[in-house]
Each structure stands twice: as structure tokens, then as C-alpha cells.
Amino acid sequence: MIPATTPYVARYRQTVDLSDGTQGSYTTDRPVLAWSDSGYALVAADERGQLVHANSYSNFTGVAPDEPHIVSALPATGWGVQYRDDDGTTFTLPLVAWLIESSGECRPVTVDTDGLTADPRHDSNFVRLTEPSEQEAAA
């Protein structure tokens, strides 16, 4: 057995009877916890308390990479985000944290006056991230 170090999910199609007499379907996911020595995805069989091949269920549709999730947050002391104003000048606001994802990616985070967080790299007026040494030199 090989531990699943990169997040994957096994996908399963569920069918439901709708009120109009037709059938609908939706997909559910189970996390892949490990891989068998022969390369099969293994999931927890809740009713049996053991790992089983993901494809042992008749409604199995496949395996896909899972969305990364946050595993840690680190303070971004001294880091800043430089933006361009409408008149072309730039200004810098503090970066508050670095979010570490299960994929290994490290994302910068800002907080607005309403307490909402965002990755500043997606802002239309984002210019760049500034390092602590740049903040110290400007002071």
C-alpha cells in the first residue's frame, strides 16, 4: 500500500427519483486515502472499517485530483502588496498572511475593511508583492 500524499477523490454517481417521475443524478466524492501496490485507489469502507478498492462500488465513475485545502497559515509580517491607483501612482498595503495548501502552494492573503480575505494577485490593479527588506528601506 502506498499512502496518498497528493489529494485525490474517487467519484460516484448517485441517482434519485424526481417528483415528475424521471430520474436525476449527482456526484459524490470520497477521499482517496492510499493506493494499492497494483495502482488502484483505496477508500474507506465505512460499513466495514477497512480500505477497499474505490472501483469496488458499482456506481464508481473515476478518480480526480481533489481541490487543495488549507493546512496552515503563517503571518506575513513586513510583506506588502503594491497596487496601481487610477491616476497611475502606486501604493502599498500590508499583506496579512500566507496560506499553505495541501498541494504545497503558498498563497498571499489580504483583508479588506469588511473582514473579507482575498488573494491580491487576482485584483485588477495588483502590481506585485513587496518583501520586508523593501518596507524597511522605504522607512
C-alpha atoms as a PDB file:
ATOM      1  CA  MET A   1       0.000   0.000   0.000  1.00  0.00           C
ATOM      2  CA  ILE A   2       1.210   3.473  -0.928  1.00  0.00           C
ATOM      3  CA  PRO A   3      -0.036   6.475   1.130  1.00  0.00           C
ATOM      4  CA  ALA A   4      -1.928   9.101  -0.865  1.00  0.00           C
ATOM      5  CA  THR A   5       0.291  12.159  -0.432  1.00  0.00           C
ATOM      6  CA  THR A   6      -1.401  14.171  -3.187  1.00  0.00           C
ATOM      7  CA  PRO A   7      -5.131  14.745  -2.640  1.00  0.00           C
ATOM      8  CA  TYR A   8      -7.386  12.746  -4.967  1.00  0.00           C
ATOM      9  CA  VAL A   9     -11.043  11.809  -4.733  1.00  0.00           C
ATOM     10  CA  ALA A  10     -12.965   8.830  -6.003  1.00  0.00           C
ATOM     11  CA  ARG A  11     -16.184   9.890  -7.706  1.00  0.00           C
ATOM     12  CA  TYR A  12     -19.508   8.084  -7.501  1.00  0.00           C
ATOM     13  CA  ARG A  13     -22.734   8.768  -9.417  1.00  0.00           C
ATOM     14  CA  GLN A  14     -25.899   8.748  -7.312  1.00  0.00           C
ATOM     15  CA  THR A  15     -29.336   8.527  -8.903  1.00  0.00           C
ATOM     16  CA  VAL A  16     -32.570   9.876  -7.432  1.00  0.00           C
ATOM     17  CA  ASP A  17     -36.215   9.628  -8.408  1.00  0.00           C
ATOM     18  CA  LEU A  18     -37.614  13.087  -9.109  1.00  0.00           C
ATOM     19  CA  SER A  19     -41.166  14.213  -8.367  1.00  0.00           C
ATOM     20  CA  ASP A  20     -42.014  14.297 -12.091  1.00  0.00           C
ATOM     21  CA  GLY A  21     -41.297  10.573 -12.409  1.00  0.00           C
ATOM     22  CA  THR A  22     -37.892  10.960 -14.070  1.00  0.00           C
ATOM     23  CA  GLN A  23     -34.517  10.150 -12.621  1.00  0.00           C
ATOM     24  CA  GLY A  24     -31.787  12.659 -11.847  1.00  0.00           C
ATOM     25  CA  SER A  25     -28.208  12.145 -10.815  1.00  0.00           C
ATOM     26  CA  TYR A  26     -25.446  13.839  -8.876  1.00  0.00           C
ATOM     27  CA  THR A  27     -21.875  13.006  -7.983  1.00  0.00           C
ATOM     28  CA  THR A  28     -20.420  12.359  -4.541  1.00  0.00           C
ATOM     29  CA  ASP A  29     -16.739  12.143  -3.654  1.00  0.00           C
ATOM     30  CA  ARG A  30     -14.743  10.053  -1.220  1.00  0.00           C
ATOM     31  CA  PRO A  31     -11.120  10.912  -0.431  1.00  0.00           C
ATOM     32  CA  VAL A  32      -8.510   8.513  -1.776  1.00  0.00           C
ATOM     33  CA  LEU A  33      -6.548   7.521   1.337  1.00  0.00           C
ATOM     34  CA  ALA A  34      -3.962   5.275  -0.307  1.00  0.00           C
ATOM     35  CA  TRP A  35      -3.072   3.410  -3.477  1.00  0.00           C
ATOM     36  CA  SER A  36      -2.785  -0.356  -3.680  1.00  0.00           C
ATOM     37  CA  ASP A  37       0.523  -1.876  -4.765  1.00  0.00           C
ATOM     38  CA  SER A  38      -1.104  -2.527  -8.134  1.00  0.00           C
ATOM     39  CA  GLY A  39      -2.142   1.141  -8.500  1.00  0.00           C
ATOM     40  CA  TYR A  40      -5.819   1.054  -7.503  1.00  0.00           C
ATOM     41  CA  ALA A  41      -7.269   3.933  -5.482  1.00  0.00           C
ATOM     42  CA  LEU A  42      -8.265   2.902  -1.942  1.00  0.00           C
ATOM     43  CA  VAL A  43     -11.120   4.489   0.014  1.00  0.00           C
ATOM     44  CA  ALA A  44     -12.541   3.831   3.473  1.00  0.00           C
ATOM     45  CA  ALA A  45     -15.478   1.431   3.506  1.00  0.00           C
ATOM     46  CA  ASP A  46     -17.371   2.977   6.404  1.00  0.00           C
ATOM     47  CA  GLU A  47     -19.556  -0.058   6.925  1.00  0.00           C
ATOM     48  CA  ARG A  48     -16.595  -2.446   7.064  1.00  0.00           C
ATOM     49  CA  GLY A  49     -13.923  -0.344   8.751  1.00  0.00           C
ATOM     50  CA  GLN A  50     -11.290  -1.155   6.135  1.00  0.00           C
ATOM     51  CA  LEU A  51      -9.788   0.213   2.938  1.00  0.00           C
ATOM     52  CA  VAL A  52     -11.281  -1.110  -0.296  1.00  0.00           C
ATOM     53  CA  HIS A  53     -10.680  -0.505  -3.988  1.00  0.00           C
ATOM     54  CA  ALA A  54     -12.579   2.611  -4.981  1.00  0.00           C
ATOM     55  CA  ASN A  55     -13.875   0.804  -8.050  1.00  0.00           C
ATOM     56  CA  SER A  56     -15.453  -1.960  -5.944  1.00  0.00           C
ATOM     57  CA  TYR A  57     -18.675   0.085  -5.800  1.00  0.00           C
ATOM     58  CA  SER A  58     -20.933  -0.275  -8.851  1.00  0.00           C
ATOM     59  CA  ASN A  59     -21.529   3.487  -9.152  1.00  0.00           C
ATOM     60  CA  PHE A  60     -17.790   4.347  -9.335  1.00  0.00           C
ATOM     61  CA  THR A  61     -17.084   6.806 -12.179  1.00  0.00           C
ATOM     62  CA  GLY A  62     -13.382   7.574 -11.746  1.00  0.00           C
ATOM     63  CA  VAL A  63     -10.654   9.317  -9.787  1.00  0.00           C
ATOM     64  CA  ALA A  64      -9.823  13.030  -9.986  1.00  0.00           C
ATOM     65  CA  PRO A  65      -7.443  15.449  -8.280  1.00  0.00           C
ATOM     66  CA  ASP A  66      -9.076  16.984  -5.216  1.00  0.00           C
ATOM     67  CA  GLU A  67      -9.236  20.709  -4.604  1.00  0.00           C
ATOM     68  CA  PRO A  68      -6.363  21.690  -2.316  1.00  0.00           C
ATOM     69  CA  HIS A  69      -7.323  22.681   1.196  1.00  0.00           C
ATOM     70  CA  ILE A  70      -5.568  24.984   3.651  1.00  0.00           C
ATOM     71  CA  VAL A  71      -3.277  23.143   6.062  1.00  0.00           C
ATOM     72  CA  SER A  72      -1.560  26.119   7.710  1.00  0.00           C
ATOM     73  CA  ALA A  73      -1.451  29.901   7.914  1.00  0.00           C
ATOM     74  CA  LEU A  74       1.700  31.906   8.552  1.00  0.00           C
ATOM     75  CA  PRO A  75       1.941  35.601   9.426  1.00  0.00           C
ATOM     76  CA  ALA A  76       3.190  37.837   6.623  1.00  0.00           C
ATOM     77  CA  THR A  77       4.974  40.301   8.889  1.00  0.00           C
ATOM     78  CA  GLY A  78       6.643  43.031   6.838  1.00  0.00           C
ATOM     79  CA  TRP A  79       5.295  41.859   3.469  1.00  0.00           C
ATOM     80  CA  GLY A  80       3.187  44.228   1.373  1.00  0.00           C
ATOM     81  CA  VAL A  81       1.041  44.363  -1.725  1.00  0.00           C
ATOM     82  CA  GLN A  82       1.665  47.094  -4.266  1.00  0.00           C
ATOM     83  CA  TYR A  83      -1.341  48.349  -6.235  1.00  0.00           C
ATOM     84  CA  ARG A  84      -1.695  50.880  -9.057  1.00  0.00           C
ATOM     85  CA  ASP A  85      -4.193  53.692  -8.476  1.00  0.00           C
ATOM     86  CA  ASP A  86      -6.415  55.120 -11.238  1.00  0.00           C
ATOM     87  CA  ASP A  87      -4.017  58.042 -11.754  1.00  0.00           C
ATOM     88  CA  GLY A  88      -1.062  55.661 -12.339  1.00  0.00           C
ATOM     89  CA  THR A  89       0.608  56.115  -8.957  1.00  0.00           C
ATOM     90  CA  THR A  90       1.282  53.114  -6.780  1.00  0.00           C
ATOM     91  CA  PHE A  91       0.522  52.466  -3.132  1.00  0.00           C
ATOM     92  CA  THR A  92       1.311  49.595  -0.781  1.00  0.00           C
ATOM     93  CA  LEU A  93      -0.946  47.876   1.742  1.00  0.00           C
ATOM     94  CA  PRO A  94       0.116  45.209   4.239  1.00  0.00           C
ATOM     95  CA  LEU A  95      -0.119  41.522   3.456  1.00  0.00           C
ATOM     96  CA  VAL A  96      -1.605  39.766   6.498  1.00  0.00           C
ATOM     97  CA  ALA A  97      -0.841  36.072   5.988  1.00  0.00           C
ATOM     98  CA  TRP A  98       0.446  33.260   3.813  1.00  0.00           C
ATOM     99  CA  LEU A  99      -1.932  30.314   3.387  1.00  0.00           C
ATOM    100  CA  ILE A 100      -0.274  26.933   2.866  1.00  0.00           C
ATOM    101  CA  GLU A 101      -2.365  24.490   0.861  1.00  0.00           C
ATOM    102  CA  SER A 102      -2.263  20.701   0.829  1.00  0.00           C
ATOM    103  CA  SER A 103      -0.837  20.950  -2.702  1.00  0.00           C
ATOM    104  CA  GLY A 104       2.193  22.802  -1.314  1.00  0.00           C
ATOM    105  CA  GLU A 105       1.181  26.117  -2.857  1.00  0.00           C
ATOM    106  CA  CYS A 106       1.656  29.199  -0.693  1.00  0.00           C
ATOM    107  CA  ARG A 107      -0.950  31.938  -1.271  1.00  0.00           C
ATOM    108  CA  PRO A 108      -0.741  35.564  -0.085  1.00  0.00           C
ATOM    109  CA  VAL A 109      -3.793  36.937   1.748  1.00  0.00           C
ATOM    110  CA  THR A 110      -5.136  40.431   2.327  1.00  0.00           C
ATOM    111  CA  VAL A 111      -8.117  41.536   4.434  1.00  0.00           C
ATOM    112  CA  ASP A 112     -10.449  44.381   3.470  1.00  0.00           C
ATOM    113  CA  THR A 113     -12.330  46.728   5.803  1.00  0.00           C
ATOM    114  CA  ASP A 114     -15.292  44.299   5.865  1.00  0.00           C
ATOM    115  CA  GLY A 115     -13.050  41.461   7.077  1.00  0.00           C
ATOM    116  CA  LEU A 116     -13.160  39.575   3.770  1.00  0.00           C
ATOM    117  CA  THR A 117      -9.986  37.819   2.683  1.00  0.00           C
ATOM    118  CA  ALA A 118      -8.629  37.565  -0.844  1.00  0.00           C
ATOM    119  CA  ASP A 119      -5.565  36.638  -2.848  1.00  0.00           C
ATOM    120  CA  PRO A 120      -4.329  40.065  -4.018  1.00  0.00           C
ATOM    121  CA  ARG A 121      -2.822  38.616  -7.202  1.00  0.00           C
ATOM    122  CA  HIS A 122      -6.376  38.407  -8.605  1.00  0.00           C
ATOM    123  CA  ASP A 123      -7.084  42.137  -8.135  1.00  0.00           C
ATOM    124  CA  SER A 124      -7.140  44.084 -11.403  1.00  0.00           C
ATOM    125  CA  ASN A 125      -4.829  46.815 -10.035  1.00  0.00           C
ATOM    126  CA  PHE A 126      -2.306  44.386  -8.444  1.00  0.00           C
ATOM    127  CA  VAL A 127       1.304  45.221  -9.315  1.00  0.00           C
ATOM    128  CA  ARG A 128       3.482  42.978  -7.116  1.00  0.00           C
ATOM    129  CA  LEU A 129       4.273  41.685  -3.652  1.00  0.00           C
ATOM    130  CA  THR A 130       6.900  43.627  -1.721  1.00  0.00           C
ATOM    131  CA  GLU A 131       9.434  41.960   0.574  1.00  0.00           C
ATOM    132  CA  PRO A 132      10.121  43.026   4.176  1.00  0.00           C
ATOM    133  CA  SER A 133      13.522  44.428   3.163  1.00  0.00           C
ATOM    134  CA  GLU A 134      11.795  46.834   0.749  1.00  0.00           C
ATOM    135  CA  GLN A 135       9.494  48.061   3.536  1.00  0.00           C
ATOM    136  CA  GLU A 136      12.496  48.706   5.806  1.00  0.00           C
ATOM    137  CA  ALA A 137      14.386  50.609   3.088  1.00  0.00           C
ATOM    138  CA  ALA A 138      11.375  52.866   2.452  1.00  0.00           C
ATOM    139  CA  ALA A 139      11.045  53.781   6.144  1.00  0.00           C
END
